[in-house]
Amino acid sequence: MKKIYIAFLSLALAFSSCNEAEFLKEEPQDNIYADNLFTKYEGFRLAVNALLDFPRQERADMIQSAELGVIWKIGTDNGWANAELSWTRGLNRYTTADFNSTMQFVNGDTEGRDGVFLILYKAISSANTIITRAQNPDVDWQGGSQVQNEINKNLMLAHAHLIRAWAYKHLAYTFGPVPITTEEITGINFRNDWERRPVAEVQALIVSDLEFAAAHLPDYSDDVLVIANVVANHYLAEMHLWMNEPAKAEAAALKVTNNSRYKLITQRYGSSAGSAGSAFMDQFKNGNILPSQGNTEALWVFANSDVLKLIGARPNSMRRTWVINYSSYAPYNPENGGRGIGRGGITAWAFSIYEPQDDRFSEHAVRKYYLSATGVRTNTHMLQSQMTVNSTKWASTRKWDWVSADPARWGDTHSFADQTYLRLADTYLLLAEAYFKQGKLALAADFINRVRTRSNATPIAADGSTITLDYILDERSRELVTEELRRETLVRTGKLLERTKKHNPFTAANMKEIHELLPIPQKVIDANTGRKMENNPGY
């Protein structure tokens, strides 16, 4: 499929070495550029399609040979770097030599690929361009009536506000105070004097953006290029929990859980229903991911098989990141799940907290052995004493198993699987946390038990008397490991340092309070010549 790339002026320009005067003299090289693109609805639709690619980049190898989102998953209580490289070693071990303002996933690499900071600001700049251009009264919104014109306009704006909130949420969790920009960057307002703004200001902008998105996105969508308002409300619940506003978090989460179009998967279904497995794992199987395929739990899906030609397919690196390199003793095939290199791994502690009968720990959910071409079985490892870097026998999740239909491509590096990015079980656990923080323990227990009983785990006491914040975090790990941006959850709850040092043996010696925030990229600090930008303490 042909992919449409749309060039936006971005905040990243402020941190590049381009000459501003020369830049302003350049002529557009394509007829799809801002002044021509943003004249009617179909142009905004193309721009939003391109904008929706930024979240998909989180699961692609935008830096080197691992999902970009691995930075929010390893170096936590339930995630570590198995096939360790210099750029992941910093988060795995928190060593000064590797964990600094020039590390690749923050600062970018020598081949010119941006680090996560600039990737997120490019998303923000693209969203700002859409928001700014939509205010032009001469835009033809192609609705046929004033009412439909306003609906079309607000639908495009809602997506832009949602993605801007998504990007700022990542930035605030990861770096703390960051620059705020809400306008299109042009040659007129080009800046090199950015100022980091307090987290509370960033949170307020995120909430405002999400509230707009929630008001103007549809209640349900099975169109992969139209996001439903459940995503905005889910993130509102998360933000209000971070801001210690549990009643508001409850209200936002209930707008998701009370939406009758979304339900936990509790019965076998779809392409895998006739084979051994579980309801929990069916939702991760090829042919079962999209809402149109019967997936009622998915709130936000990154589609490849059913994506419109206007946006194209993007390979993802989830399997490559989380599945080990078992090729020395077993072949790449559908039974073994496809090719991986194990950049990330699930910690021994995270494996240890499941009950034996829990479907989330069954052989259908966790790779407990591999079979060679001749049927020889090799068991995988899960004990802390076996957590050694570059292990080719460490157990891995099977959530990301996928191979091409063409046997000649079973060893392909990348996956083109459809994948769920956000699902209802996550919202249930946010709602349980909101109830817990308000002392509504029985209600908290109810939503935790809905998640647990779906996977045949023993229900907790119905009165909620055994619930603690740590228990909720344990349950989030059991349910969402390798999906959840664990670092962000632990930052939000104030538990990153405590739980990571307790449960991840690689981090115990070196992790300190300063490591709760990552350093601002050195290239950004150096380029901000109009105002001194301080780095986070300790860097």
Protein backbone atom coordinates (compact mmCIF):
# COMPACT_ATOMS: atom_id res chain seq x y z
CA MET A 1 0.00 0.00 0.00
CA LYS A 2 1.16 3.47 -0.78
CA LYS A 3 1.63 5.55 2.35
CA ILE A 4 0.75 9.23 2.36
CA TYR A 5 3.40 11.29 4.09
CA ILE A 6 2.50 14.84 5.01
CA ALA A 7 5.25 17.31 5.86
CA PHE A 8 4.49 19.60 8.76
CA LEU A 9 6.64 22.38 10.18
CA SER A 10 7.49 21.05 13.59
CA LEU A 11 8.89 22.12 16.90
CA ALA A 12 11.78 19.88 15.98
CA LEU A 13 12.92 22.59 13.58
CA ALA A 14 13.82 24.69 16.59
CA PHE A 15 16.25 22.00 17.62
CA SER A 16 17.76 21.34 14.19
CA SER A 17 20.70 22.93 12.46
CA CYS A 18 18.79 24.30 9.46
CA ASN A 19 19.25 27.93 8.47
CA GLU A 20 15.96 29.72 9.08
CA ALA A 21 16.39 32.26 6.31
CA GLU A 22 17.19 29.59 3.74
CA PHE A 23 14.36 27.44 5.00
CA LEU A 24 11.87 30.26 4.40
CA LYS A 25 13.04 30.57 0.79
CA GLU A 26 12.32 26.95 -0.05
CA GLU A 27 9.54 26.15 -2.48
CA PRO A 28 7.15 23.25 -1.73
CA GLN A 29 8.29 20.03 -3.39
CA ASP A 30 4.84 18.43 -3.44
CA ASN A 31 1.32 19.62 -4.15
CA ILE A 32 0.27 18.21 -0.78
CA TYR A 33 1.55 20.97 1.48
CA ALA A 34 -0.16 23.09 4.08
CA ASP A 35 -1.62 25.95 2.01
CA ASN A 36 -3.19 23.59 -0.51
CA LEU A 37 -3.98 20.75 1.85
CA PHE A 38 -6.05 22.61 4.41
CA THR A 39 -8.69 24.09 2.11
CA LYS A 40 -11.37 21.42 2.45
CA TYR A 41 -12.43 18.47 4.56
CA GLU A 42 -10.72 15.80 2.49
CA GLY A 43 -7.37 17.56 3.02
CA PHE A 44 -7.88 17.59 6.77
CA ARG A 45 -8.82 13.92 6.58
CA LEU A 46 -5.48 13.16 4.95
CA ALA A 47 -3.68 15.18 7.60
CA VAL A 48 -5.46 13.34 10.41
CA ASN A 49 -4.64 10.01 8.77
CA ALA A 50 -0.97 11.00 8.87
CA LEU A 51 -1.30 12.22 12.46
CA LEU A 52 -2.66 8.85 13.53
CA ASP A 53 0.62 7.29 12.48
CA PHE A 54 2.45 8.82 15.44
CA PRO A 55 0.93 6.49 18.06
CA ARG A 56 1.65 3.58 15.73
CA GLN A 57 5.32 4.59 15.80
CA GLU A 58 5.33 3.69 19.49
CA ARG A 59 5.25 0.03 18.51
CA ALA A 60 7.72 0.35 15.65
CA ASP A 61 11.53 0.25 15.80
CA MET A 62 11.96 4.00 15.43
CA ILE A 63 15.41 3.96 17.05
CA GLN A 64 16.96 0.50 16.83
CA SER A 65 15.58 -3.06 16.77
CA ALA A 66 12.87 -2.68 19.42
CA GLU A 67 9.52 -1.00 19.82
CA LEU A 68 9.92 2.68 20.70
CA GLY A 69 7.60 2.11 23.66
CA VAL A 70 10.09 -0.25 25.29
CA ILE A 71 11.49 2.78 27.12
CA TRP A 72 8.29 2.85 29.19
CA LYS A 73 8.39 -0.89 29.90
CA ILE A 74 11.93 -2.01 30.76
CA GLY A 75 13.71 -0.86 33.89
CA THR A 76 10.49 -1.36 35.86
CA ASP A 77 9.14 -3.97 38.24
CA ASN A 78 7.86 -6.20 35.43
CA GLY A 79 10.19 -5.41 32.51
CA TRP A 80 13.93 -5.76 31.84
CA ALA A 81 16.25 -5.66 28.83
CA ASN A 82 17.21 -9.21 27.89
CA ALA A 83 19.15 -8.84 24.63
CA GLU A 84 20.88 -5.82 26.09
CA LEU A 85 22.42 -3.06 23.98
CA SER A 86 24.09 0.16 25.10
CA TRP A 87 20.92 2.13 24.45
CA THR A 88 18.76 -0.18 26.59
CA ARG A 89 21.40 -0.87 29.24
CA GLY A 90 20.82 2.56 30.76
CA LEU A 91 17.23 1.75 31.66
CA ASN A 92 18.11 -1.83 32.55
CA ARG A 93 20.87 -0.97 35.02
CA TYR A 94 20.62 2.82 35.54
CA THR A 95 24.38 3.20 35.15
CA THR A 96 25.69 6.74 34.75
CA ALA A 97 27.74 5.81 31.70
CA ASP A 98 24.63 4.68 29.81
CA PHE A 99 21.79 6.61 31.44
CA ASN A 100 22.40 10.23 30.46
CA SER A 101 21.22 13.04 28.18
CA THR A 102 22.94 11.59 25.10
CA MET A 103 21.50 8.06 25.23
CA GLN A 104 19.99 7.05 21.92
CA PHE A 105 16.33 6.59 22.74
CA VAL A 106 16.26 10.12 24.23
CA ASN A 107 18.76 12.01 22.07
CA GLY A 108 18.45 10.13 18.78
CA ASP A 109 21.15 8.12 17.05
CA THR A 110 24.12 8.73 14.78
CA GLU A 111 22.07 7.82 11.71
CA GLY A 112 19.81 10.82 12.14
CA ARG A 113 16.82 9.13 13.71
CA ASP A 114 15.07 11.23 16.34
CA GLY A 115 14.75 10.20 19.95
CA VAL A 116 11.39 9.98 21.66
CA PHE A 117 11.40 13.66 22.76
CA LEU A 118 11.48 15.03 19.21
CA ILE A 119 9.15 12.35 17.85
CA LEU A 120 6.53 13.45 20.37
CA TYR A 121 7.01 17.12 19.55
CA LYS A 122 6.62 16.36 15.86
CA ALA A 123 3.24 14.82 16.72
CA ILE A 124 2.34 17.93 18.73
CA SER A 125 3.40 20.23 15.90
CA SER A 126 1.37 18.24 13.39
CA ALA A 127 -1.67 18.39 15.67
CA ASN A 128 -1.17 22.13 16.20
CA THR A 129 -1.10 22.68 12.44
CA ILE A 130 -4.45 20.94 12.04
CA ILE A 131 -5.98 22.86 14.96
CA THR A 132 -4.70 26.21 13.69
CA ARG A 133 -5.70 25.67 10.06
CA ALA A 134 -9.19 24.50 11.02
CA GLN A 135 -9.97 28.00 12.32
CA ASN A 136 -9.87 29.39 8.77
CA PRO A 137 -13.47 30.43 7.96
CA ASP A 138 -12.89 29.72 4.26
CA VAL A 139 -12.38 25.97 4.71
CA ASP A 140 -14.91 23.90 2.77
CA TRP A 141 -15.93 21.21 5.25
CA GLN A 142 -17.90 19.41 2.52
CA GLY A 143 -20.82 18.61 4.80
CA GLY A 144 -23.63 19.90 2.61
CA SER A 145 -25.15 21.83 5.51
CA GLN A 146 -23.98 24.13 8.27
CA VAL A 147 -24.68 21.47 10.89
CA GLN A 148 -22.75 18.75 9.07
CA ASN A 149 -19.93 21.16 8.30
CA GLU A 150 -19.51 21.78 12.03
CA ILE A 151 -19.60 18.04 12.73
CA ASN A 152 -16.90 17.38 10.14
CA LYS A 153 -14.74 20.20 11.48
CA ASN A 154 -15.02 19.07 15.09
CA LEU A 155 -14.29 15.45 14.18
CA MET A 156 -10.97 16.48 12.65
CA LEU A 157 -10.21 18.79 15.58
CA ALA A 158 -11.08 16.06 18.07
CA HIS A 159 -8.48 13.73 16.60
CA ALA A 160 -5.86 16.48 16.67
CA HIS A 161 -6.61 17.33 20.30
CA LEU A 162 -6.52 13.64 21.24
CA ILE A 163 -3.13 13.00 19.66
CA ARG A 164 -1.71 16.19 21.15
CA ALA A 165 -2.88 15.01 24.57
CA TRP A 166 -1.37 11.58 23.92
CA ALA A 167 2.00 13.18 23.12
CA TYR A 168 2.02 15.60 26.05
CA LYS A 169 1.01 12.79 28.40
CA HIS A 170 4.11 10.83 27.37
CA LEU A 171 6.30 13.90 27.72
CA ALA A 172 5.08 14.87 31.19
CA TYR A 173 5.38 11.34 32.57
CA THR A 174 8.83 10.88 31.07
CA PHE A 175 10.54 14.26 31.39
CA GLY A 176 8.41 16.20 33.89
CA PRO A 177 8.20 19.93 33.05
CA VAL A 178 8.38 20.44 29.28
CA PRO A 179 7.81 23.28 26.80
CA ILE A 180 4.19 23.90 25.83
CA THR A 181 3.29 24.93 22.30
CA THR A 182 -0.29 25.07 20.99
CA GLU A 183 0.19 26.98 17.72
CA GLU A 184 1.42 26.04 14.29
CA ILE A 185 5.15 26.72 14.00
CA THR A 186 5.96 28.96 11.02
CA GLY A 187 8.85 31.14 9.97
CA ILE A 188 7.15 34.04 11.74
CA ASN A 189 6.94 32.46 15.19
CA PHE A 190 10.00 30.24 14.96
CA ARG A 191 11.64 30.11 18.42
CA ASN A 192 14.84 29.04 20.13
CA ASP A 193 13.90 30.22 23.61
CA TRP A 194 11.60 27.46 24.80
CA GLU A 195 10.82 27.32 28.51
CA ARG A 196 9.90 24.20 30.45
CA ARG A 197 6.46 24.59 31.99
CA PRO A 198 5.33 22.95 35.27
CA VAL A 199 3.72 19.52 35.07
CA ALA A 200 0.46 20.95 36.43
CA GLU A 201 0.20 23.23 33.38
CA VAL A 202 0.88 20.33 31.04
CA GLN A 203 -1.75 18.23 32.83
CA ALA A 204 -4.30 21.03 32.48
CA LEU A 205 -3.69 21.22 28.72
CA ILE A 206 -3.98 17.44 28.41
CA VAL A 207 -7.30 17.42 30.26
CA SER A 208 -8.64 20.28 28.13
CA ASP A 209 -7.63 18.48 24.93
CA LEU A 210 -9.16 15.21 26.10
CA GLU A 211 -12.42 16.87 27.11
CA PHE A 212 -12.75 18.38 23.64
CA ALA A 213 -11.98 15.02 22.05
CA ALA A 214 -14.48 13.20 24.27
CA ALA A 215 -17.20 15.69 23.32
CA HIS A 216 -16.71 15.37 19.56
CA LEU A 217 -15.56 11.82 18.86
CA PRO A 218 -18.26 9.17 18.24
CA ASP A 219 -19.44 6.81 20.96
CA TYR A 220 -18.32 3.84 18.84
CA SER A 221 -16.28 3.31 15.71
CA ASP A 222 -15.33 0.25 13.72
CA ASP A 223 -13.48 2.47 11.23
CA VAL A 224 -9.78 2.16 12.05
CA LEU A 225 -9.24 5.79 11.02
CA VAL A 226 -11.91 7.17 13.36
CA ILE A 227 -11.19 6.90 17.08
CA ALA A 228 -14.11 6.60 19.52
CA ASN A 229 -14.58 8.82 22.55
CA VAL A 230 -13.90 5.89 24.89
CA VAL A 231 -10.19 6.48 24.25
CA ALA A 232 -10.39 10.10 25.37
CA ASN A 233 -12.45 9.17 28.43
CA HIS A 234 -10.02 6.38 29.34
CA TYR A 235 -7.14 8.84 29.29
CA LEU A 236 -9.20 11.36 31.27
CA ALA A 237 -9.66 8.74 33.97
CA GLU A 238 -5.91 8.13 34.02
CA MET A 239 -5.09 11.83 34.14
CA HIS A 240 -7.52 12.54 36.97
CA LEU A 241 -5.99 9.71 38.98
CA TRP A 242 -2.56 11.26 38.43
CA MET A 243 -3.95 14.62 39.56
CA ASN A 244 -5.45 13.00 42.68
CA GLU A 245 -9.03 13.60 41.54
CA PRO A 246 -10.51 10.10 41.93
CA ALA A 247 -14.15 11.19 41.71
CA LYS A 248 -13.50 12.77 38.31
CA ALA A 249 -11.54 9.66 37.31
CA GLU A 250 -14.52 7.50 38.27
CA ALA A 251 -16.89 9.62 36.18
CA ALA A 252 -14.64 9.45 33.13
CA ALA A 253 -14.04 5.70 33.43
CA LEU A 254 -17.76 5.01 33.82
CA LYS A 255 -18.38 6.67 30.46
CA VAL A 256 -16.27 3.88 29.00
CA THR A 257 -17.48 0.93 31.07
CA ASN A 258 -21.14 1.94 30.66
CA ASN A 259 -20.85 2.06 26.87
CA SER A 260 -22.79 -1.02 25.78
CA ARG A 261 -20.72 -1.46 22.61
CA TYR A 262 -17.64 -2.44 24.64
CA LYS A 263 -17.44 -5.61 26.74
CA LEU A 264 -14.73 -7.85 28.16
CA ILE A 265 -14.07 -10.92 26.05
CA THR A 266 -15.37 -13.75 28.25
CA GLN A 267 -16.16 -16.42 25.64
CA ARG A 268 -14.09 -18.07 22.94
CA TYR A 269 -14.62 -16.43 19.56
CA GLY A 270 -13.36 -15.87 16.06
CA SER A 271 -10.52 -17.46 14.13
CA SER A 272 -9.07 -19.34 17.12
CA ALA A 273 -12.28 -20.50 18.81
CA GLY A 274 -11.95 -24.05 17.53
CA SER A 275 -8.38 -24.58 18.74
CA ALA A 276 -6.88 -24.90 22.21
CA GLY A 277 -6.67 -21.59 24.01
CA SER A 278 -8.66 -19.19 26.17
CA ALA A 279 -11.06 -16.28 25.84
CA PHE A 280 -8.37 -13.98 27.19
CA MET A 281 -5.89 -14.93 24.47
CA ASP A 282 -8.41 -15.05 21.62
CA GLN A 283 -8.38 -11.26 21.47
CA PHE A 284 -4.67 -11.32 20.54
CA LYS A 285 -5.04 -13.83 17.69
CA ASN A 286 -4.74 -12.96 14.02
CA GLY A 287 -8.21 -12.45 12.59
CA ASN A 288 -9.72 -11.51 15.97
CA ILE A 289 -8.28 -8.04 16.60
CA LEU A 290 -10.58 -5.62 14.82
CA PRO A 291 -14.02 -4.61 16.11
CA SER A 292 -15.43 -5.87 12.81
CA GLN A 293 -14.00 -9.31 13.69
CA GLY A 294 -15.90 -9.51 16.98
CA ASN A 295 -13.41 -7.86 19.34
CA THR A 296 -15.62 -6.01 21.83
CA GLU A 297 -12.78 -5.29 24.27
CA ALA A 298 -10.54 -3.21 22.03
CA LEU A 299 -10.84 0.55 22.52
CA TRP A 300 -8.05 1.55 20.10
CA VAL A 301 -6.64 -0.73 17.42
CA PHE A 302 -3.59 -0.33 15.19
CA ALA A 303 -4.78 -2.06 12.05
CA ASN A 304 -2.74 -3.38 9.17
CA SER A 305 -4.99 -5.94 7.49
CA ASP A 306 -8.02 -3.65 7.16
CA VAL A 307 -6.38 -0.25 6.96
CA LEU A 308 -7.41 2.18 4.24
CA LYS A 309 -4.92 2.76 1.45
CA LEU A 310 -4.65 6.41 2.43
CA ILE A 311 -2.68 5.58 5.55
CA GLY A 312 -0.93 2.35 4.63
CA ALA A 313 0.55 -0.40 6.75
CA ARG A 314 3.34 0.05 9.28
CA PRO A 315 5.40 -2.91 10.52
CA ASN A 316 5.49 -3.26 14.27
CA SER A 317 8.21 -4.61 16.52
CA MET A 318 6.25 -6.05 19.43
CA ARG A 319 7.12 -9.64 18.58
CA ARG A 320 10.71 -8.68 17.80
CA THR A 321 11.00 -6.91 21.15
CA TRP A 322 9.32 -9.39 23.49
CA VAL A 323 9.89 -12.83 21.90
CA ILE A 324 13.32 -14.36 22.47
CA ASN A 325 15.75 -15.44 19.76
CA TYR A 326 15.12 -19.18 19.90
CA SER A 327 16.44 -19.89 16.40
CA SER A 328 19.44 -21.92 17.61
CA TYR A 329 17.20 -24.77 18.75
CA ALA A 330 13.76 -24.31 17.13
CA PRO A 331 12.51 -23.15 13.72
CA TYR A 332 10.52 -20.05 12.88
CA ASN A 333 6.99 -21.26 12.25
CA PRO A 334 3.39 -20.55 13.31
CA GLU A 335 3.62 -22.97 16.23
CA ASN A 336 6.63 -21.13 17.67
CA GLY A 337 5.16 -17.68 17.04
CA GLY A 338 7.59 -16.07 14.62
CA ARG A 339 10.97 -14.40 14.86
CA GLY A 340 12.06 -12.45 17.92
CA ILE A 341 15.29 -11.07 19.38
CA GLY A 342 14.13 -10.46 22.94
CA ARG A 343 15.18 -6.84 23.45
CA GLY A 344 12.71 -6.77 26.32
CA GLY A 345 11.75 -9.42 28.83
CA ILE A 346 9.19 -10.00 31.57
CA THR A 347 10.80 -10.16 35.02
CA ALA A 348 10.83 -13.31 37.11
CA TRP A 349 8.72 -11.52 39.71
CA ALA A 350 6.01 -10.77 37.13
CA PHE A 351 5.83 -14.45 36.18
CA SER A 352 5.71 -15.47 39.85
CA ILE A 353 2.52 -13.62 40.81
CA TYR A 354 0.06 -15.66 38.76
CA GLU A 355 -1.98 -18.53 40.16
CA PRO A 356 -1.38 -21.81 38.32
CA GLN A 357 -4.89 -21.91 36.83
CA ASP A 358 -4.85 -18.29 35.62
CA ASP A 359 -5.38 -18.25 31.85
CA ARG A 360 -3.00 -15.31 31.63
CA PHE A 361 -0.22 -17.67 32.73
CA SER A 362 -1.26 -20.72 30.73
CA GLU A 363 0.90 -22.18 27.98
CA HIS A 364 -1.40 -20.36 25.56
CA ALA A 365 -0.39 -16.99 27.06
CA VAL A 366 3.23 -17.59 28.10
CA ARG A 367 5.79 -19.43 25.99
CA LYS A 368 6.92 -22.18 28.35
CA TYR A 369 8.69 -24.36 25.79
CA TYR A 370 9.70 -24.57 22.13
CA LEU A 371 9.70 -27.57 19.83
CA SER A 372 12.49 -28.28 17.36
CA ALA A 373 11.81 -29.47 13.83
CA THR A 374 12.15 -33.04 15.10
CA GLY A 375 9.91 -32.52 18.12
CA VAL A 376 12.60 -32.01 20.78
CA ARG A 377 11.21 -29.87 23.59
CA THR A 378 13.26 -27.03 25.13
CA ASN A 379 11.75 -25.55 28.28
CA THR A 380 12.05 -21.82 28.88
CA HIS A 381 13.30 -20.10 32.04
CA MET A 382 11.37 -17.99 34.56
CA LEU A 383 13.40 -17.95 37.77
CA GLN A 384 15.28 -14.88 38.98
CA SER A 385 18.48 -16.91 39.16
CA GLN A 386 18.10 -17.51 35.41
CA MET A 387 17.71 -13.81 34.52
CA THR A 388 20.91 -13.31 32.55
CA VAL A 389 21.30 -10.93 29.62
CA ASN A 390 21.13 -12.37 26.12
CA SER A 391 19.20 -15.40 27.33
CA THR A 392 17.75 -17.35 24.43
CA LYS A 393 15.61 -19.45 26.74
CA TRP A 394 13.80 -16.79 28.77
CA ALA A 395 10.02 -17.21 28.76
CA SER A 396 8.02 -14.65 26.81
CA THR A 397 4.45 -13.55 26.29
CA ARG A 398 2.50 -14.97 23.37
CA LYS A 399 0.38 -11.85 22.92
CA TRP A 400 2.49 -10.82 19.94
CA ASP A 401 2.89 -14.16 18.13
CA TRP A 402 2.40 -13.69 14.39
CA VAL A 403 3.79 -15.05 11.13
CA SER A 404 3.08 -14.28 7.51
CA ALA A 405 0.77 -16.59 5.60
CA ASP A 406 3.70 -17.20 3.26
CA PRO A 407 6.03 -19.90 4.73
CA ALA A 408 8.96 -18.28 2.94
CA ARG A 409 8.46 -15.26 5.21
CA TRP A 410 8.12 -17.01 8.58
CA GLY A 411 11.52 -15.62 9.52
CA ASP A 412 10.69 -12.00 8.66
CA THR A 413 12.03 -9.44 11.10
CA HIS A 414 8.85 -7.40 11.41
CA SER A 415 5.22 -8.19 12.06
CA PHE A 416 2.30 -6.77 10.12
CA ALA A 417 -0.26 -7.98 12.62
CA ASP A 418 -3.27 -5.97 13.67
CA GLN A 419 -2.78 -5.03 17.32
CA THR A 420 -4.91 -3.66 20.11
CA TYR A 421 -3.30 -0.60 21.67
CA LEU A 422 -5.83 0.06 24.42
CA ARG A 423 -8.49 -2.23 25.84
CA LEU A 424 -11.39 -2.23 28.24
CA ALA A 425 -9.71 -4.34 30.94
CA ASP A 426 -7.30 -1.46 31.46
CA THR A 427 -10.23 0.91 32.03
CA TYR A 428 -11.77 -1.54 34.52
CA LEU A 429 -8.59 -1.42 36.57
CA LEU A 430 -8.42 2.38 36.39
CA LEU A 431 -12.00 2.47 37.63
CA ALA A 432 -11.14 0.05 40.44
CA GLU A 433 -8.28 2.35 41.43
CA ALA A 434 -10.62 5.36 41.44
CA TYR A 435 -13.08 3.50 43.65
CA PHE A 436 -10.28 2.35 45.96
CA LYS A 437 -9.01 5.89 46.41
CA GLN A 438 -12.49 6.99 47.45
CA GLY A 439 -12.94 4.13 49.90
CA LYS A 440 -15.55 2.41 47.71
CA LEU A 441 -13.88 -0.92 48.27
CA ALA A 442 -16.71 -3.26 47.27
CA LEU A 443 -17.07 -1.49 43.93
CA ALA A 444 -13.32 -1.68 43.43
CA ALA A 445 -13.38 -5.41 44.16
CA ASP A 446 -16.22 -5.91 41.68
CA PHE A 447 -14.26 -4.50 38.75
CA ILE A 448 -11.06 -6.27 39.75
CA ASN A 449 -12.97 -9.54 39.95
CA ARG A 450 -14.51 -9.05 36.52
CA VAL A 451 -10.98 -9.00 35.13
CA ARG A 452 -9.77 -11.89 37.29
CA THR A 453 -12.69 -14.27 36.81
CA ARG A 454 -12.55 -13.85 33.04
CA SER A 455 -9.18 -15.61 33.23
CA ASN A 456 -10.17 -18.16 35.90
CA ALA A 457 -8.17 -16.43 38.64
CA THR A 458 -9.55 -16.68 42.18
CA PRO A 459 -11.80 -13.71 43.02
CA ILE A 460 -10.66 -11.43 45.81
CA ALA A 461 -12.89 -10.72 48.83
CA ALA A 462 -16.08 -9.07 47.60
CA ASP A 463 -15.95 -6.39 50.28
CA GLY A 464 -12.59 -5.21 48.98
CA SER A 465 -10.95 -5.50 52.38
CA THR A 466 -7.75 -6.95 50.92
CA ILE A 467 -7.22 -4.28 48.27
CA THR A 468 -4.15 -2.06 48.40
CA LEU A 469 -2.60 0.15 45.75
CA ASP A 470 0.16 -2.42 45.39
CA TYR A 471 -2.43 -5.12 44.78
CA ILE A 472 -4.00 -3.07 41.99
CA LEU A 473 -0.55 -2.59 40.45
CA ASP A 474 0.06 -6.34 40.71
CA GLU A 475 -3.22 -7.00 38.92
CA ARG A 476 -2.37 -4.49 36.22
CA SER A 477 0.85 -6.42 35.63
CA ARG A 478 -0.93 -9.76 35.45
CA GLU A 479 -3.42 -8.42 32.93
CA LEU A 480 -1.43 -5.91 30.88
CA VAL A 481 2.23 -6.93 30.96
CA THR A 482 4.05 -5.75 27.79
CA GLU A 483 0.93 -3.76 26.79
CA GLU A 484 0.87 -1.26 29.64
CA LEU A 485 3.34 1.61 29.67
CA ARG A 486 4.47 0.42 33.07
CA ARG A 487 6.91 3.20 33.79
CA GLU A 488 4.15 5.77 33.36
CA THR A 489 1.81 3.86 35.66
CA LEU A 490 4.46 3.65 38.36
CA VAL A 491 5.34 7.35 37.99
CA ARG A 492 1.65 8.23 38.22
CA THR A 493 1.22 6.23 41.43
CA GLY A 494 4.55 7.27 42.97
CA LYS A 495 5.76 3.67 43.02
CA LEU A 496 8.49 3.53 40.36
CA LEU A 497 11.54 3.54 42.60
CA GLU A 498 10.11 1.36 45.36
CA ARG A 499 8.67 -1.40 43.21
CA THR A 500 11.41 -1.49 40.59
CA LYS A 501 14.21 -1.84 43.14
CA LYS A 502 12.19 -4.49 44.95
CA HIS A 503 11.24 -6.66 41.99
CA ASN A 504 13.90 -6.10 39.30
CA PRO A 505 17.37 -7.38 40.27
CA PHE A 506 19.12 -5.47 37.48
CA THR A 507 18.08 -2.09 38.86
CA ALA A 508 18.61 -2.55 42.60
CA ALA A 509 22.23 -1.41 42.80
CA ASN A 510 22.05 1.84 40.85
CA MET A 511 18.48 3.14 40.59
CA LYS A 512 17.91 6.39 42.50
CA GLU A 513 15.18 8.96 42.91
CA ILE A 514 16.63 11.08 40.09
CA HIS A 515 15.87 8.26 37.67
CA GLU A 516 12.12 8.76 38.03
CA LEU A 517 12.50 11.32 35.22
CA LEU A 518 14.56 10.85 32.09
CA PRO A 519 17.00 13.57 31.01
CA ILE A 520 16.06 16.22 28.47
CA PRO A 521 18.03 15.42 25.28
CA GLN A 522 21.34 17.21 25.14
CA LYS A 523 20.74 18.29 21.54
CA VAL A 524 17.57 20.09 22.64
CA ILE A 525 19.35 21.91 25.46
CA ASP A 526 22.20 22.91 23.15
CA ALA A 527 19.87 24.20 20.40
CA ASN A 528 17.74 26.31 22.75
CA THR A 529 20.19 29.21 22.54
CA GLY A 530 17.68 31.95 23.37
CA ARG A 531 17.07 30.75 26.92
CA LYS A 532 19.01 28.46 29.22
CA MET A 533 17.13 25.19 29.58
CA GLU A 534 18.02 23.30 32.74
CA ASN A 535 18.07 19.53 32.66
CA ASN A 536 16.36 17.37 35.25
CA PRO A 537 18.23 17.08 38.59
CA GLY A 538 21.14 14.67 38.50
CA TYR A 539 21.89 14.95 34.78
